[in-house]
């Protein structure tokens, strides 16, 4: 009987803790807006910074009606100071080859990506043709008139207040895994 009680006690003293992933989102809803932005600029959405650190796994982009987007690169950005930006991670989501990656004008397309992100990061985009939808409300957009994906400590950005671009990304924190703990009785 004593052995059974010890086994039960030891079984109760062993527990398992699983650290679950938390959802991450960055940017604003990719939807049809009331305005648009054109090619040959790198745009950073200063709306809705990343809420957690981990991996961005999907990016949604909405192209202006009649203006297919191609040559898209997306990146997570770090604001170094008031006028300097650095990319944390970047990925080409649209190479324009065979039309597989093109965002058709007047629609939203979701891409699978693998981008590192840290809480407080921003999402940005560069594209070589087409126009991206935007809305004339929100926290604003920073832009630079060339391809700055990737970049390190680049200055000379312009700010346009009260705008959003139709660029949204989601992901999750990285799961830590399972932690096992054993409490031994003190006899």
C-alpha atoms as a PDB file:
ATOM      1  CA  UNK A   1       0.000   0.000   0.000  1.00  0.00           C
ATOM      2  CA  UNK A   2       2.863   2.336   0.834  1.00  0.00           C
ATOM      3  CA  UNK A   3       4.417   1.754  -2.622  1.00  0.00           C
ATOM      4  CA  UNK A   4       1.113   2.545  -4.333  1.00  0.00           C
ATOM      5  CA  UNK A   5       0.748   5.796  -2.399  1.00  0.00           C
ATOM      6  CA  UNK A   6       4.308   6.797  -3.299  1.00  0.00           C
ATOM      7  CA  UNK A   7       3.656   6.044  -6.980  1.00  0.00           C
ATOM      8  CA  UNK A   8       0.430   8.078  -6.908  1.00  0.00           C
ATOM      9  CA  UNK A   9       2.188  10.897  -5.106  1.00  0.00           C
ATOM     10  CA  UNK A  10       5.073  10.913  -7.599  1.00  0.00           C
ATOM     11  CA  UNK A  11       2.608  10.850 -10.504  1.00  0.00           C
ATOM     12  CA  UNK A  12       0.834  13.891  -9.113  1.00  0.00           C
ATOM     13  CA  UNK A  13       4.130  15.675  -8.567  1.00  0.00           C
ATOM     14  CA  UNK A  14       5.128  15.355 -12.211  1.00  0.00           C
ATOM     15  CA  UNK A  15       3.461  17.974 -14.360  1.00  0.00           C
ATOM     16  CA  UNK A  16       3.786  19.133 -17.877  1.00  0.00           C
ATOM     17  CA  UNK A  17       3.590  22.738 -19.070  1.00  0.00           C
ATOM     18  CA  UNK A  18       3.198  23.571 -22.736  1.00  0.00           C
ATOM     19  CA  UNK A  19       3.948  27.131 -23.801  1.00  0.00           C
ATOM     20  CA  UNK A  20       1.557  27.942 -26.623  1.00  0.00           C
ATOM     21  CA  UNK A  21       2.176  30.345 -29.480  1.00  0.00           C
ATOM     22  CA  UNK A  22       0.527  33.770 -29.464  1.00  0.00           C
ATOM     23  CA  UNK A  23      -0.913  35.341 -32.622  1.00  0.00           C
ATOM     24  CA  UNK A  24       1.025  38.202 -34.208  1.00  0.00           C
ATOM     25  CA  UNK A  25      -0.414  40.818 -36.539  1.00  0.00           C
ATOM     26  CA  UNK A  26       1.184  43.825 -38.202  1.00  0.00           C
ATOM     27  CA  UNK A  27      -0.060  46.406 -40.724  1.00  0.00           C
ATOM     28  CA  UNK A  28      -3.661  47.105 -41.669  1.00  0.00           C
ATOM     29  CA  UNK A  29      -6.425  45.186 -43.378  1.00  0.00           C
ATOM     30  CA  UNK A  30      -5.715  44.488 -47.036  1.00  0.00           C
ATOM     31  CA  UNK A  31      -8.898  45.801 -48.656  1.00  0.00           C
ATOM     32  CA  UNK A  32     -10.290  48.024 -51.368  1.00  0.00           C
ATOM     33  CA  UNK A  33      -9.647  51.596 -50.289  1.00  0.00           C
ATOM     34  CA  UNK A  34     -10.374  55.111 -51.490  1.00  0.00           C
ATOM     35  CA  UNK A  35      -6.855  55.886 -52.759  1.00  0.00           C
ATOM     36  CA  UNK A  36      -3.677  54.200 -54.051  1.00  0.00           C
ATOM     37  CA  UNK A  37       0.134  54.426 -54.162  1.00  0.00           C
ATOM     38  CA  UNK A  38       2.345  53.746 -57.188  1.00  0.00           C
ATOM     39  CA  UNK A  39       5.594  52.014 -58.143  1.00  0.00           C
ATOM     40  CA  UNK A  40       9.271  52.636 -57.415  1.00  0.00           C
ATOM     41  CA  UNK A  41       8.835  53.536 -53.759  1.00  0.00           C
ATOM     42  CA  UNK A  42       9.400  51.490 -50.637  1.00  0.00           C
ATOM     43  CA  UNK A  43       6.390  51.924 -48.344  1.00  0.00           C
ATOM     44  CA  UNK A  44       6.283  51.278 -44.612  1.00  0.00           C
ATOM     45  CA  UNK A  45       2.946  51.120 -42.829  1.00  0.00           C
ATOM     46  CA  UNK A  46       3.205  52.945 -39.518  1.00  0.00           C
ATOM     47  CA  UNK A  47      -0.196  51.586 -38.542  1.00  0.00           C
ATOM     48  CA  UNK A  48      -0.364  48.652 -36.143  1.00  0.00           C
ATOM     49  CA  UNK A  49       3.173  47.646 -35.193  1.00  0.00           C
ATOM     50  CA  UNK A  50       3.899  43.982 -34.414  1.00  0.00           C
ATOM     51  CA  UNK A  51       2.333  43.026 -31.100  1.00  0.00           C
ATOM     52  CA  UNK A  52       4.745  40.133 -30.372  1.00  0.00           C
ATOM     53  CA  UNK A  53       8.064  38.635 -31.468  1.00  0.00           C
ATOM     54  CA  UNK A  54       8.235  35.504 -33.614  1.00  0.00           C
ATOM     55  CA  UNK A  55       7.564  34.612 -37.253  1.00  0.00           C
ATOM     56  CA  UNK A  56       5.341  36.259 -39.861  1.00  0.00           C
ATOM     57  CA  UNK A  57       3.861  33.441 -41.957  1.00  0.00           C
ATOM     58  CA  UNK A  58       1.286  35.167 -44.195  1.00  0.00           C
ATOM     59  CA  UNK A  59       1.155  38.506 -45.986  1.00  0.00           C
ATOM     60  CA  UNK A  60      -1.980  39.943 -47.616  1.00  0.00           C
ATOM     61  CA  UNK A  61      -1.728  42.574 -50.362  1.00  0.00           C
ATOM     62  CA  UNK A  62      -4.597  44.338 -52.153  1.00  0.00           C
ATOM     63  CA  UNK A  63      -3.938  45.774 -55.648  1.00  0.00           C
ATOM     64  CA  UNK A  64      -5.798  48.759 -57.108  1.00  0.00           C
ATOM     65  CA  UNK A  65      -8.510  47.868 -59.631  1.00  0.00           C
ATOM     66  CA  UNK A  66      -6.973  47.515 -63.089  1.00  0.00           C
ATOM     67  CA  UNK A  67      -3.402  47.727 -61.743  1.00  0.00           C
ATOM     68  CA  UNK A  68      -1.823  44.284 -61.250  1.00  0.00           C
ATOM     69  CA  UNK A  69       1.086  44.308 -58.785  1.00  0.00           C
ATOM     70  CA  UNK A  70       4.304  42.506 -59.708  1.00  0.00           C
ATOM     71  CA  UNK A  71       7.849  42.367 -58.390  1.00  0.00           C
ATOM     72  CA  UNK A  72       6.676  42.562 -54.763  1.00  0.00           C
ATOM     73  CA  UNK A  73       9.111  42.374 -51.877  1.00  0.00           C
ATOM     74  CA  UNK A  74       7.925  42.558 -48.269  1.00  0.00           C
ATOM     75  CA  UNK A  75       9.950  43.197 -45.132  1.00  0.00           C
ATOM     76  CA  UNK A  76       9.766  43.740 -41.431  1.00  0.00           C
ATOM     77  CA  UNK A  77      11.318  47.096 -40.521  1.00  0.00           C
ATOM     78  CA  UNK A  78      13.002  48.494 -37.416  1.00  0.00           C
ATOM     79  CA  UNK A  79      12.706  52.238 -36.792  1.00  0.00           C
ATOM     80  CA  UNK A  80      16.286  53.133 -35.822  1.00  0.00           C
ATOM     81  CA  UNK A  81      15.488  56.775 -35.004  1.00  0.00           C
ATOM     82  CA  UNK A  82      13.240  59.571 -36.306  1.00  0.00           C
ATOM     83  CA  UNK A  83      14.579  59.315 -39.889  1.00  0.00           C
ATOM     84  CA  UNK A  84      16.418  55.979 -40.184  1.00  0.00           C
ATOM     85  CA  UNK A  85      15.023  52.525 -41.002  1.00  0.00           C
ATOM     86  CA  UNK A  86      16.576  49.055 -41.179  1.00  0.00           C
ATOM     87  CA  UNK A  87      15.001  45.832 -42.412  1.00  0.00           C
ATOM     88  CA  UNK A  88      14.958  42.937 -39.966  1.00  0.00           C
ATOM     89  CA  UNK A  89      13.986  40.359 -42.579  1.00  0.00           C
ATOM     90  CA  UNK A  90      12.679  40.386 -46.149  1.00  0.00           C
ATOM     91  CA  UNK A  91      11.299  38.115 -48.812  1.00  0.00           C
ATOM     92  CA  UNK A  92      10.336  38.319 -52.477  1.00  0.00           C
ATOM     93  CA  UNK A  93       6.682  37.255 -52.614  1.00  0.00           C
ATOM     94  CA  UNK A  94       6.068  37.901 -56.255  1.00  0.00           C
ATOM     95  CA  UNK A  95       8.569  37.349 -59.006  1.00  0.00           C
ATOM     96  CA  UNK A  96       6.091  37.943 -61.827  1.00  0.00           C
ATOM     97  CA  UNK A  97       7.140  34.696 -63.530  1.00  0.00           C
ATOM     98  CA  UNK A  98       4.161  32.824 -65.056  1.00  0.00           C
ATOM     99  CA  UNK A  99       1.731  35.090 -63.205  1.00  0.00           C
ATOM    100  CA  UNK A 100       1.702  32.830 -60.145  1.00  0.00           C
ATOM    101  CA  UNK A 101       2.715  35.591 -57.777  1.00  0.00           C
ATOM    102  CA  UNK A 102       0.954  38.547 -59.379  1.00  0.00           C
ATOM    103  CA  UNK A 103      -1.656  40.369 -57.315  1.00  0.00           C
ATOM    104  CA  UNK A 104      -4.503  40.897 -59.793  1.00  0.00           C
ATOM    105  CA  UNK A 105      -5.861  44.456 -59.788  1.00  0.00           C
ATOM    106  CA  UNK A 106      -9.010  44.821 -57.700  1.00  0.00           C
ATOM    107  CA  UNK A 107      -8.246  41.797 -55.526  1.00  0.00           C
ATOM    108  CA  UNK A 108      -6.403  40.616 -52.442  1.00  0.00           C
ATOM    109  CA  UNK A 109      -3.783  37.893 -52.546  1.00  0.00           C
ATOM    110  CA  UNK A 110      -2.324  36.036 -49.588  1.00  0.00           C
ATOM    111  CA  UNK A 111       1.285  34.844 -49.708  1.00  0.00           C
ATOM    112  CA  UNK A 112       3.046  32.361 -47.443  1.00  0.00           C
ATOM    113  CA  UNK A 113       6.280  33.831 -46.068  1.00  0.00           C
ATOM    114  CA  UNK A 114       8.886  33.195 -43.378  1.00  0.00           C
ATOM    115  CA  UNK A 115       9.838  36.562 -41.861  1.00  0.00           C
ATOM    116  CA  UNK A 116      11.436  37.248 -38.490  1.00  0.00           C
ATOM    117  CA  UNK A 117       9.603  39.896 -36.491  1.00  0.00           C
ATOM    118  CA  UNK A 118      10.134  41.556 -33.119  1.00  0.00           C
ATOM    119  CA  UNK A 119       7.465  43.349 -31.098  1.00  0.00           C
ATOM    120  CA  UNK A 120       7.362  46.967 -32.289  1.00  0.00           C
ATOM    121  CA  UNK A 121       8.473  46.183 -35.869  1.00  0.00           C
ATOM    122  CA  UNK A 122       6.666  47.584 -38.919  1.00  0.00           C
ATOM    123  CA  UNK A 123       5.689  45.949 -42.242  1.00  0.00           C
ATOM    124  CA  UNK A 124       6.741  47.354 -45.601  1.00  0.00           C
ATOM    125  CA  UNK A 125       6.570  46.660 -49.334  1.00  0.00           C
ATOM    126  CA  UNK A 126       8.269  47.482 -52.623  1.00  0.00           C
ATOM    127  CA  UNK A 127       6.884  46.571 -56.086  1.00  0.00           C
ATOM    128  CA  UNK A 128       8.013  47.161 -59.652  1.00  0.00           C
ATOM    129  CA  UNK A 129       4.648  47.557 -61.383  1.00  0.00           C
ATOM    130  CA  UNK A 130       1.048  48.307 -60.492  1.00  0.00           C
ATOM    131  CA  UNK A 131      -0.520  50.217 -57.622  1.00  0.00           C
ATOM    132  CA  UNK A 132      -1.407  49.227 -54.062  1.00  0.00           C
ATOM    133  CA  UNK A 133      -4.730  50.203 -52.500  1.00  0.00           C
ATOM    134  CA  UNK A 134      -4.759  52.622 -49.581  1.00  0.00           C
ATOM    135  CA  UNK A 135      -7.218  54.403 -47.347  1.00  0.00           C
ATOM    136  CA  UNK A 136      -7.099  58.088 -46.459  1.00  0.00           C
ATOM    137  CA  UNK A 137      -7.228  57.467 -42.711  1.00  0.00           C
ATOM    138  CA  UNK A 138      -4.923  55.935 -40.138  1.00  0.00           C
ATOM    139  CA  UNK A 139      -1.516  56.646 -38.608  1.00  0.00           C
ATOM    140  CA  UNK A 140       0.334  57.140 -41.876  1.00  0.00           C
ATOM    141  CA  UNK A 141       2.916  55.829 -44.306  1.00  0.00           C
ATOM    142  CA  UNK A 142       6.654  56.344 -44.586  1.00  0.00           C
ATOM    143  CA  UNK A 143       8.097  56.067 -48.088  1.00  0.00           C
ATOM    144  CA  UNK A 144      11.436  56.300 -49.886  1.00  0.00           C
ATOM    145  CA  UNK A 145      11.747  56.652 -53.662  1.00  0.00           C
ATOM    146  CA  UNK A 146      13.734  53.494 -54.430  1.00  0.00           C
ATOM    147  CA  UNK A 147      13.993  49.829 -53.501  1.00  0.00           C
ATOM    148  CA  UNK A 148      15.038  49.716 -49.844  1.00  0.00           C
ATOM    149  CA  UNK A 149      14.331  46.048 -49.223  1.00  0.00           C
ATOM    150  CA  UNK A 150      16.658  45.050 -47.689  1.00  0.00           C
ATOM    151  CA  UNK A 151      18.312  48.125 -46.173  1.00  0.00           C
ATOM    152  CA  UNK A 152      20.474  49.177 -43.228  1.00  0.00           C
ATOM    153  CA  UNK A 153      20.117  52.517 -41.455  1.00  0.00           C
ATOM    154  CA  UNK A 154      18.625  54.352 -44.472  1.00  0.00           C
ATOM    155  CA  UNK A 155      17.552  57.993 -44.039  1.00  0.00           C
ATOM    156  CA  UNK A 156      15.602  60.390 -46.251  1.00  0.00           C
ATOM    157  CA  UNK A 157      12.124  58.922 -45.757  1.00  0.00           C
ATOM    158  CA  UNK A 158       8.994  61.031 -46.265  1.00  0.00           C
ATOM    159  CA  UNK A 159       5.925  60.742 -44.052  1.00  0.00           C
ATOM    160  CA  UNK A 160       2.329  61.010 -45.204  1.00  0.00           C
ATOM    161  CA  UNK A 161      -0.052  61.285 -42.252  1.00  0.00           C
ATOM    162  CA  UNK A 162      -3.574  59.864 -42.168  1.00  0.00           C
ATOM    163  CA  UNK A 163      -3.052  57.033 -44.664  1.00  0.00           C
ATOM    164  CA  UNK A 164      -2.865  53.269 -44.611  1.00  0.00           C
ATOM    165  CA  UNK A 165      -1.693  50.886 -47.302  1.00  0.00           C
ATOM    166  CA  UNK A 166      -3.491  47.603 -47.949  1.00  0.00           C
ATOM    167  CA  UNK A 167      -0.730  45.441 -46.491  1.00  0.00           C
ATOM    168  CA  UNK A 168      -1.361  43.077 -43.585  1.00  0.00           C
ATOM    169  CA  UNK A 169       0.676  40.245 -42.103  1.00  0.00           C
ATOM    170  CA  UNK A 170       0.064  37.573 -39.485  1.00  0.00           C
ATOM    171  CA  UNK A 171       2.108  34.951 -37.725  1.00  0.00           C
ATOM    172  CA  UNK A 172       2.816  33.556 -34.292  1.00  0.00           C
ATOM    173  CA  UNK A 173       5.349  33.580 -31.523  1.00  0.00           C
ATOM    174  CA  UNK A 174       7.676  30.619 -31.621  1.00  0.00           C
ATOM    175  CA  UNK A 175       6.494  27.802 -29.379  1.00  0.00           C
ATOM    176  CA  UNK A 176       8.946  27.130 -26.599  1.00  0.00           C
ATOM    177  CA  UNK A 177       7.867  23.513 -26.332  1.00  0.00           C
ATOM    178  CA  UNK A 178       7.111  21.293 -23.388  1.00  0.00           C
ATOM    179  CA  UNK A 179       8.625  21.749 -19.954  1.00  0.00           C
ATOM    180  CA  UNK A 180       8.508  18.818 -17.574  1.00  0.00           C
ATOM    181  CA  UNK A 181       9.032  19.275 -13.864  1.00  0.00           C
ATOM    182  CA  UNK A 182       9.341  16.713 -11.122  1.00  0.00           C
ATOM    183  CA  UNK A 183       8.864  17.490  -7.467  1.00  0.00           C
ATOM    184  CA  UNK A 184      10.537  14.925  -5.233  1.00  0.00           C
ATOM    185  CA  UNK A 185       9.093  14.367  -1.788  1.00  0.00           C
ATOM    186  CA  UNK A 186      11.329  15.216   1.117  1.00  0.00           C
ATOM    187  CA  UNK A 187      11.255  12.091   3.336  1.00  0.00           C
END
